[in-house]
N, C-alpha and C. Protein backbone atom coordinates (compact mmCIF):
# COMPACT_ATOMS: atom_id res chain seq x y z
N MET A 1 -28.29 18.45 3.12
CA MET A 1 -28.58 17.51 2.13
C MET A 1 -27.26 16.91 1.90
N ALA A 2 -26.95 15.54 2.11
CA ALA A 2 -25.63 15.04 1.53
C ALA A 2 -25.29 15.03 0.00
N ARG A 3 -24.09 15.12 -0.21
CA ARG A 3 -24.01 15.00 -1.83
C ARG A 3 -23.17 13.73 -2.11
N VAL A 4 -23.70 12.86 -3.03
CA VAL A 4 -22.97 11.65 -3.45
C VAL A 4 -22.60 11.80 -4.85
N LEU A 5 -21.44 11.30 -5.12
CA LEU A 5 -20.76 11.21 -6.49
C LEU A 5 -21.06 9.72 -6.79
N VAL A 6 -21.83 9.54 -7.95
CA VAL A 6 -22.05 8.14 -8.56
C VAL A 6 -21.18 8.11 -9.84
N VAL A 7 -20.43 6.75 -9.98
CA VAL A 7 -19.57 6.70 -11.29
C VAL A 7 -19.82 5.45 -11.75
N ASP A 8 -20.21 5.42 -13.03
CA ASP A 8 -20.24 4.23 -13.85
C ASP A 8 -20.27 4.53 -15.33
N ASP A 9 -19.61 3.63 -16.10
CA ASP A 9 -19.52 3.85 -17.53
C ASP A 9 -20.66 3.46 -18.30
N ASP A 10 -21.62 2.72 -17.79
CA ASP A 10 -22.97 2.33 -18.33
C ASP A 10 -23.97 3.39 -17.98
N PRO A 11 -24.46 4.04 -18.99
CA PRO A 11 -25.38 5.05 -18.83
C PRO A 11 -26.67 4.63 -18.04
N GLN A 12 -27.17 3.37 -18.42
CA GLN A 12 -28.37 2.86 -17.81
C GLN A 12 -28.22 2.68 -16.26
N VAL A 13 -27.02 2.38 -15.79
CA VAL A 13 -26.67 2.17 -14.38
C VAL A 13 -26.58 3.43 -13.75
N LEU A 14 -25.69 4.38 -14.33
CA LEU A 14 -25.61 5.60 -13.95
C LEU A 14 -26.83 6.29 -13.64
N THR A 15 -27.80 6.18 -14.58
CA THR A 15 -29.28 6.76 -14.34
C THR A 15 -29.90 6.12 -13.24
N LEU A 16 -29.80 4.81 -13.00
CA LEU A 16 -30.48 4.14 -11.79
C LEU A 16 -29.91 4.79 -10.64
N LEU A 17 -28.60 4.68 -10.50
CA LEU A 17 -27.88 5.41 -9.38
C LEU A 17 -28.30 6.66 -9.09
N ARG A 18 -28.49 7.51 -10.23
CA ARG A 18 -28.96 8.91 -9.82
C ARG A 18 -30.35 9.00 -9.31
N VAL A 19 -31.08 8.31 -10.09
CA VAL A 19 -32.54 8.35 -9.66
C VAL A 19 -32.93 7.89 -8.21
N ASN A 20 -32.15 6.75 -7.80
CA ASN A 20 -32.44 6.27 -6.56
C ASN A 20 -31.95 7.08 -5.48
N PHE A 21 -30.80 7.76 -5.74
CA PHE A 21 -30.24 8.77 -4.73
C PHE A 21 -31.01 9.92 -4.62
N GLU A 22 -31.40 10.41 -5.85
CA GLU A 22 -32.31 11.67 -5.67
C GLU A 22 -33.56 11.43 -4.91
N LEU A 23 -34.18 10.24 -5.25
CA LEU A 23 -35.41 9.93 -4.62
C LEU A 23 -35.34 9.86 -3.13
N GLU A 24 -34.06 9.56 -2.56
CA GLU A 24 -33.90 9.66 -1.11
C GLU A 24 -33.53 10.97 -0.54
N GLY A 25 -33.53 11.98 -1.67
CA GLY A 25 -33.17 13.31 -1.16
C GLY A 25 -31.66 13.76 -1.18
N TYR A 26 -30.99 13.04 -1.80
CA TYR A 26 -29.46 13.24 -2.00
C TYR A 26 -29.21 14.25 -3.08
N ASP A 27 -28.28 15.10 -3.06
CA ASP A 27 -27.60 15.89 -4.00
C ASP A 27 -26.74 14.99 -4.87
N VAL A 28 -27.01 14.84 -6.14
CA VAL A 28 -26.30 13.89 -6.86
C VAL A 28 -25.27 14.56 -7.83
N LEU A 29 -23.94 14.01 -7.75
CA LEU A 29 -23.13 14.40 -8.90
C LEU A 29 -22.75 13.00 -9.58
N SER A 30 -22.51 13.05 -10.87
CA SER A 30 -22.20 11.92 -11.62
C SER A 30 -20.99 11.97 -12.53
N ALA A 31 -20.36 10.84 -12.82
CA ALA A 31 -19.25 10.84 -13.61
C ALA A 31 -19.27 9.49 -14.37
N CYS A 32 -18.98 9.57 -15.82
CA CYS A 32 -19.09 8.29 -16.48
C CYS A 32 -17.71 7.76 -16.81
N ASN A 33 -16.69 8.17 -16.07
CA ASN A 33 -15.36 7.42 -16.20
C ASN A 33 -14.52 8.02 -15.06
N GLY A 34 -13.35 7.18 -14.79
CA GLY A 34 -12.48 7.45 -13.65
C GLY A 34 -11.79 8.83 -13.64
N GLU A 35 -11.42 9.34 -14.77
CA GLU A 35 -10.84 10.66 -14.90
C GLU A 35 -11.81 11.61 -14.41
N GLU A 36 -12.96 11.68 -14.88
CA GLU A 36 -14.14 12.61 -14.44
C GLU A 36 -14.44 12.55 -13.10
N ALA A 37 -14.32 11.20 -12.60
CA ALA A 37 -14.78 10.99 -11.11
C ALA A 37 -13.74 11.69 -10.25
N LEU A 38 -12.52 11.63 -10.64
CA LEU A 38 -11.39 12.35 -9.86
C LEU A 38 -11.66 13.87 -9.93
N GLU A 39 -11.83 14.36 -11.12
CA GLU A 39 -12.04 15.85 -11.26
C GLU A 39 -13.15 16.38 -10.45
N VAL A 40 -14.31 15.61 -10.46
CA VAL A 40 -15.69 16.03 -9.76
C VAL A 40 -15.40 15.93 -8.26
N ALA A 41 -14.57 14.79 -7.92
CA ALA A 41 -14.34 14.58 -6.33
C ALA A 41 -13.47 15.70 -5.80
N TRP A 42 -12.31 16.00 -6.54
CA TRP A 42 -11.44 16.99 -5.92
C TRP A 42 -12.12 18.40 -6.10
N ASP A 43 -12.96 18.52 -7.10
CA ASP A 43 -13.69 19.91 -7.33
C ASP A 43 -14.82 19.94 -6.40
N GLN A 44 -15.57 19.16 -6.36
CA GLN A 44 -16.97 19.34 -5.61
C GLN A 44 -17.01 18.76 -4.11
N MET A 45 -15.92 17.88 -3.86
CA MET A 45 -15.92 17.35 -2.43
C MET A 45 -17.34 16.67 -1.92
N PRO A 46 -17.62 15.59 -2.66
CA PRO A 46 -18.82 14.79 -2.32
C PRO A 46 -18.76 14.32 -0.87
N ASP A 47 -19.90 14.04 -0.24
CA ASP A 47 -19.90 13.40 1.05
C ASP A 47 -19.69 11.95 1.01
N ALA A 48 -19.99 11.22 -0.04
CA ALA A 48 -19.68 9.88 -0.29
C ALA A 48 -19.57 9.56 -1.96
N VAL A 49 -18.77 8.68 -2.12
CA VAL A 49 -18.54 8.17 -3.63
C VAL A 49 -19.02 6.65 -3.80
N VAL A 50 -19.77 6.49 -4.81
CA VAL A 50 -20.27 5.17 -5.26
C VAL A 50 -19.70 4.93 -6.56
N CYS A 51 -18.92 3.95 -6.77
CA CYS A 51 -18.11 3.79 -7.99
C CYS A 51 -17.95 2.47 -8.63
N ASP A 52 -18.07 2.30 -9.77
CA ASP A 52 -17.86 0.99 -10.51
C ASP A 52 -16.38 0.73 -10.52
N VAL A 53 -16.16 -0.46 -10.66
CA VAL A 53 -14.75 -0.99 -10.86
C VAL A 53 -14.17 -1.01 -12.32
N MET A 54 -14.76 -1.74 -13.07
CA MET A 54 -14.43 -1.92 -14.41
C MET A 54 -15.05 -0.98 -15.48
N MET A 55 -13.95 0.02 -15.60
CA MET A 55 -14.32 1.14 -16.57
C MET A 55 -13.12 1.34 -17.49
N PRO A 56 -13.34 1.88 -18.83
CA PRO A 56 -12.30 2.16 -19.79
C PRO A 56 -11.44 3.16 -19.12
N GLY A 57 -10.05 3.03 -19.34
CA GLY A 57 -9.17 4.20 -18.92
C GLY A 57 -8.95 3.85 -17.43
N THR A 58 -9.08 5.01 -16.69
CA THR A 58 -8.97 4.95 -15.23
C THR A 58 -10.06 4.04 -14.52
N ASP A 59 -9.66 3.10 -13.87
CA ASP A 59 -10.70 2.11 -13.33
C ASP A 59 -11.06 2.65 -12.00
N GLY A 60 -12.22 2.13 -11.29
CA GLY A 60 -12.53 2.41 -9.96
C GLY A 60 -11.75 2.30 -9.00
N LEU A 61 -10.82 1.14 -8.98
CA LEU A 61 -9.80 1.09 -7.86
C LEU A 61 -8.56 1.96 -8.25
N THR A 62 -8.39 2.52 -9.15
CA THR A 62 -7.55 3.52 -9.32
C THR A 62 -8.05 4.87 -8.81
N VAL A 63 -9.29 5.20 -8.95
CA VAL A 63 -10.03 6.37 -8.44
C VAL A 63 -10.01 6.24 -6.92
N LEU A 64 -10.20 5.03 -6.34
CA LEU A 64 -10.19 4.81 -4.88
C LEU A 64 -8.76 5.15 -4.40
N ARG A 65 -7.65 4.60 -4.98
CA ARG A 65 -6.42 4.70 -4.57
C ARG A 65 -5.99 6.19 -4.65
N GLN A 66 -6.34 6.92 -5.64
CA GLN A 66 -5.94 8.33 -5.78
C GLN A 66 -6.69 9.21 -4.81
N LEU A 67 -8.02 9.00 -4.49
CA LEU A 67 -8.74 9.69 -3.60
C LEU A 67 -8.16 9.33 -2.03
N ARG A 68 -7.81 8.21 -1.70
CA ARG A 68 -7.16 7.93 -0.53
C ARG A 68 -5.87 8.48 -0.42
N ALA A 69 -5.00 8.73 -1.42
CA ALA A 69 -3.71 9.25 -1.29
C ALA A 69 -3.73 10.68 -1.25
N SER A 70 -4.81 11.46 -1.46
CA SER A 70 -5.13 12.89 -1.31
C SER A 70 -5.57 13.28 -0.04
N PRO A 71 -4.86 14.14 0.82
CA PRO A 71 -5.32 14.44 2.02
C PRO A 71 -6.64 15.16 2.02
N LYS A 72 -7.16 15.74 1.01
CA LYS A 72 -8.40 16.40 0.87
C LYS A 72 -9.48 15.49 0.68
N THR A 73 -9.06 14.29 0.17
CA THR A 73 -10.43 13.40 -0.11
C THR A 73 -10.27 12.07 0.47
N LYS A 74 -9.20 11.91 1.35
CA LYS A 74 -8.86 10.47 1.95
C LYS A 74 -9.82 10.01 2.83
N THR A 75 -10.73 10.81 3.50
CA THR A 75 -11.77 10.21 4.55
C THR A 75 -13.11 10.19 3.89
N ILE A 76 -13.45 10.49 2.55
CA ILE A 76 -14.84 10.44 1.85
C ILE A 76 -15.14 8.93 1.94
N PRO A 77 -16.35 8.59 2.35
CA PRO A 77 -16.67 7.14 2.36
C PRO A 77 -16.84 6.78 0.88
N PHE A 78 -16.36 5.48 0.53
CA PHE A 78 -16.22 5.02 -0.91
C PHE A 78 -16.85 3.67 -0.97
N VAL A 79 -17.99 3.75 -1.67
CA VAL A 79 -18.68 2.15 -1.86
C VAL A 79 -18.32 1.96 -3.37
N VAL A 80 -17.68 0.63 -3.35
CA VAL A 80 -17.47 -0.09 -4.58
C VAL A 80 -18.66 -0.83 -5.11
N VAL A 81 -19.10 -0.61 -6.31
CA VAL A 81 -20.16 -1.36 -7.02
C VAL A 81 -19.73 -2.00 -8.13
N SER A 82 -19.60 -3.38 -8.13
CA SER A 82 -18.91 -4.17 -9.30
C SER A 82 -19.47 -5.62 -9.45
N ALA A 83 -19.51 -5.81 -10.76
CA ALA A 83 -19.65 -7.21 -11.21
C ALA A 83 -18.52 -8.13 -10.74
N LYS A 84 -17.51 -7.59 -10.38
CA LYS A 84 -16.44 -8.56 -9.96
C LYS A 84 -16.80 -9.07 -8.52
N ALA A 85 -17.14 -10.26 -8.36
CA ALA A 85 -17.77 -10.86 -7.04
C ALA A 85 -16.84 -11.84 -6.55
N GLN A 86 -15.66 -12.02 -7.11
CA GLN A 86 -14.68 -12.86 -6.24
C GLN A 86 -14.11 -12.49 -4.99
N ARG A 87 -14.01 -13.29 -4.13
CA ARG A 87 -13.50 -12.98 -2.90
C ARG A 87 -12.16 -12.12 -2.84
N ALA A 88 -11.23 -12.48 -3.64
CA ALA A 88 -10.05 -11.72 -3.95
C ALA A 88 -10.32 -10.23 -4.26
N ASP A 89 -11.32 -10.09 -5.19
CA ASP A 89 -11.61 -8.67 -5.68
C ASP A 89 -12.18 -7.82 -4.62
N ILE A 90 -12.88 -8.43 -3.75
CA ILE A 90 -13.66 -7.76 -2.62
C ILE A 90 -12.56 -7.47 -1.62
N LYS A 91 -11.65 -8.39 -1.31
CA LYS A 91 -10.52 -8.13 -0.27
C LYS A 91 -9.53 -7.09 -0.97
N ALA A 92 -9.26 -7.13 -2.06
CA ALA A 92 -8.45 -6.19 -2.62
C ALA A 92 -8.94 -4.64 -2.43
N ALA A 93 -10.13 -4.60 -2.69
CA ALA A 93 -10.72 -3.31 -2.58
C ALA A 93 -11.01 -2.68 -1.23
N ILE A 94 -11.33 -3.46 -0.26
CA ILE A 94 -11.32 -3.21 1.10
C ILE A 94 -9.90 -2.98 1.62
N GLU A 95 -9.05 -3.78 1.08
CA GLU A 95 -7.50 -3.30 1.71
C GLU A 95 -7.00 -2.05 1.07
N MET A 96 -7.54 -1.57 -0.01
CA MET A 96 -7.23 -0.42 -0.61
C MET A 96 -7.91 0.81 0.13
N GLY A 97 -8.82 0.43 0.92
CA GLY A 97 -9.58 1.56 1.64
C GLY A 97 -11.14 1.88 1.40
N ALA A 98 -11.65 0.92 0.38
CA ALA A 98 -13.15 0.85 -0.01
C ALA A 98 -14.02 0.76 1.47
N ASP A 99 -14.88 1.39 1.81
CA ASP A 99 -15.62 1.29 2.85
C ASP A 99 -16.79 0.01 2.91
N ARG A 100 -17.06 -0.04 1.68
CA ARG A 100 -18.28 -1.11 1.40
C ARG A 100 -17.98 -1.69 -0.12
N TYR A 101 -18.54 -2.99 -0.39
CA TYR A 101 -18.42 -3.63 -1.70
C TYR A 101 -19.61 -4.13 -1.95
N ILE A 102 -20.15 -3.70 -2.92
CA ILE A 102 -21.54 -4.31 -3.26
C ILE A 102 -21.55 -4.97 -4.78
N THR A 103 -21.93 -6.14 -4.87
CA THR A 103 -21.85 -6.69 -6.16
C THR A 103 -22.94 -6.50 -7.08
N LYS A 104 -22.79 -6.34 -8.32
CA LYS A 104 -23.86 -6.31 -9.30
C LYS A 104 -24.32 -7.61 -9.76
N PRO A 105 -25.47 -7.88 -9.98
CA PRO A 105 -26.60 -6.87 -9.89
C PRO A 105 -26.87 -6.58 -8.40
N PHE A 106 -27.18 -5.36 -7.96
CA PHE A 106 -27.36 -4.94 -6.75
C PHE A 106 -29.00 -4.49 -6.46
N ASP A 107 -29.15 -4.69 -4.90
CA ASP A 107 -30.49 -4.23 -4.58
C ASP A 107 -30.43 -2.75 -4.36
N PRO A 108 -31.00 -1.73 -5.15
CA PRO A 108 -30.91 -0.54 -4.77
C PRO A 108 -30.95 -0.06 -3.19
N GLN A 109 -31.93 -0.71 -2.66
CA GLN A 109 -31.98 -0.36 -1.15
C GLN A 109 -30.80 -0.65 -0.26
N GLU A 110 -30.16 -1.78 -0.71
CA GLU A 110 -28.95 -2.18 0.12
C GLU A 110 -27.79 -0.99 -0.21
N LEU A 111 -27.83 -0.63 -1.29
CA LEU A 111 -26.80 0.44 -1.63
C LEU A 111 -27.17 1.61 -0.94
N LEU A 112 -28.40 2.12 -1.05
CA LEU A 112 -28.69 3.18 -0.13
C LEU A 112 -28.57 3.12 1.26
N ASP A 113 -28.91 2.03 1.80
CA ASP A 113 -28.55 1.74 3.11
C ASP A 113 -27.15 1.80 3.61
N ALA A 114 -26.28 1.23 2.72
CA ALA A 114 -24.88 1.19 2.99
C ALA A 114 -24.37 2.77 2.94
N VAL A 115 -24.84 3.48 2.00
CA VAL A 115 -24.21 4.96 2.08
C VAL A 115 -24.91 5.80 3.11
N ALA A 116 -26.04 5.51 3.59
CA ALA A 116 -26.85 6.06 4.62
C ALA A 116 -25.97 5.76 5.99
N ASP A 117 -25.64 4.45 6.06
CA ASP A 117 -24.97 4.10 7.20
C ASP A 117 -23.53 4.70 7.33
N LEU A 118 -22.66 4.82 6.32
CA LEU A 118 -21.45 5.48 6.19
C LEU A 118 -21.58 7.04 6.41
N LEU A 119 -22.54 7.65 6.09
CA LEU A 119 -22.67 9.11 6.26
C LEU A 119 -23.06 9.34 7.82
N SER A 120 -23.77 8.34 8.38
CA SER A 120 -24.04 8.51 9.80
C SER A 120 -23.11 8.38 10.70
N LYS A 121 -21.73 8.08 10.19
CA LYS A 121 -20.72 7.67 11.35
C LYS A 121 -19.95 8.94 11.26
């Protein structure tokens, strides 16, 4: 069973993410901010990370940058889920190493499909 770390500072979005992945049979880890996301990722080594960008404190792009900088976590598939939908935002995240960028509001099935695709590679 694949383990997915979902990260969002909005409790409703975090619950939605958790429930959708659990219904698909994933083992779900969660974090409500960037600092917690990094701790969980380094400690639990998820198979994939689904992370919001705009969070207080450590934002999602900083989480991405730090995970990519660590030999232990640099290859974990990383999906950005963000309300920031400008082409420049998407390009910046992909250049930093995001594997996928999905804009909010998102279709839960699109997100599940993206993670399943990344995990199958």
